[in-house]
Every structure is written in C-alpha cells, then in structure tokens.
Amino acid sequence: DYAAPSLPGGAALSRQREREGWVADIAKRREDLEASIGIRRSVFVEEQGIYNAFDQWDCDNKGEWHINNNVYHAVARTPSSIPVATGRLVVQDISGEKQGIISNVAVLKEYRKQ
C-alpha cells in the first residue's frame, strides 16, 4: 500500500465522490496505480498510438512506476468496481505559488459518453 499524499493546505485526499454507485478516488494502493497505468496504456498507446504516454511524473529512469508527493493519480470505477477512467494532477511551485496541472485524463472507449 502507498501512503496517499495530501493536497497543499493539508486537505486529506481520502474523500470519495459517489454518484449512482460510481466512485472516483486518489490512487493509494498498488492496484489503483496499476489500473491507472492500464487505462492510460489502453487509451494513449494502443488506441491513439502515443508511445511516449508516460513521463518523469510517472516513471523513474529505470522505467519503474512510482508515486511522488506532488503527483495525484485518480481512478474512477463503475458500481461493480471496474476501473474505467483516470487522470493526473501535478502540483508545482511556480514563482512561489502552488499551481496544479491536470493531464493524462483517459476514459476507456466503451465507457465514454456515460
């Protein structure tokens, strides 16, 4: 298990949002991170042909997936717990101010427009 980082300002990231049984949460466990990788690989690499879909925020120089304190990976699951969507928030200190960049948002093709 991974320790989920906290958002700047100390807000806990453990809150879940539920809508009709669908759940989105910050990846805290290895299986959540693997689900995020799998969704991104399916959408960006296999479907769209983007072979450099992973970067320094995801992998170290050995290609090992890691989590770091200013990167938040979210995973959305169906009511039956199938991971179907992911997104990433990178928080950076830019000119002394915390700013977030949302990127790598991906939804499995069969679950789009739902």
Foldseek 3Di string as FASTA:
>chain_A
DADAAADPVRHDQQDWDDDPQKTKGWDGDPVQLVLLVVQLCVVCCVPVNNPPSDDPCAAPPVRDGDHDRQKTKMFMAHNVRRTFWIKMWGWDQDPNDTDIDIDSTGGPPVPPPD
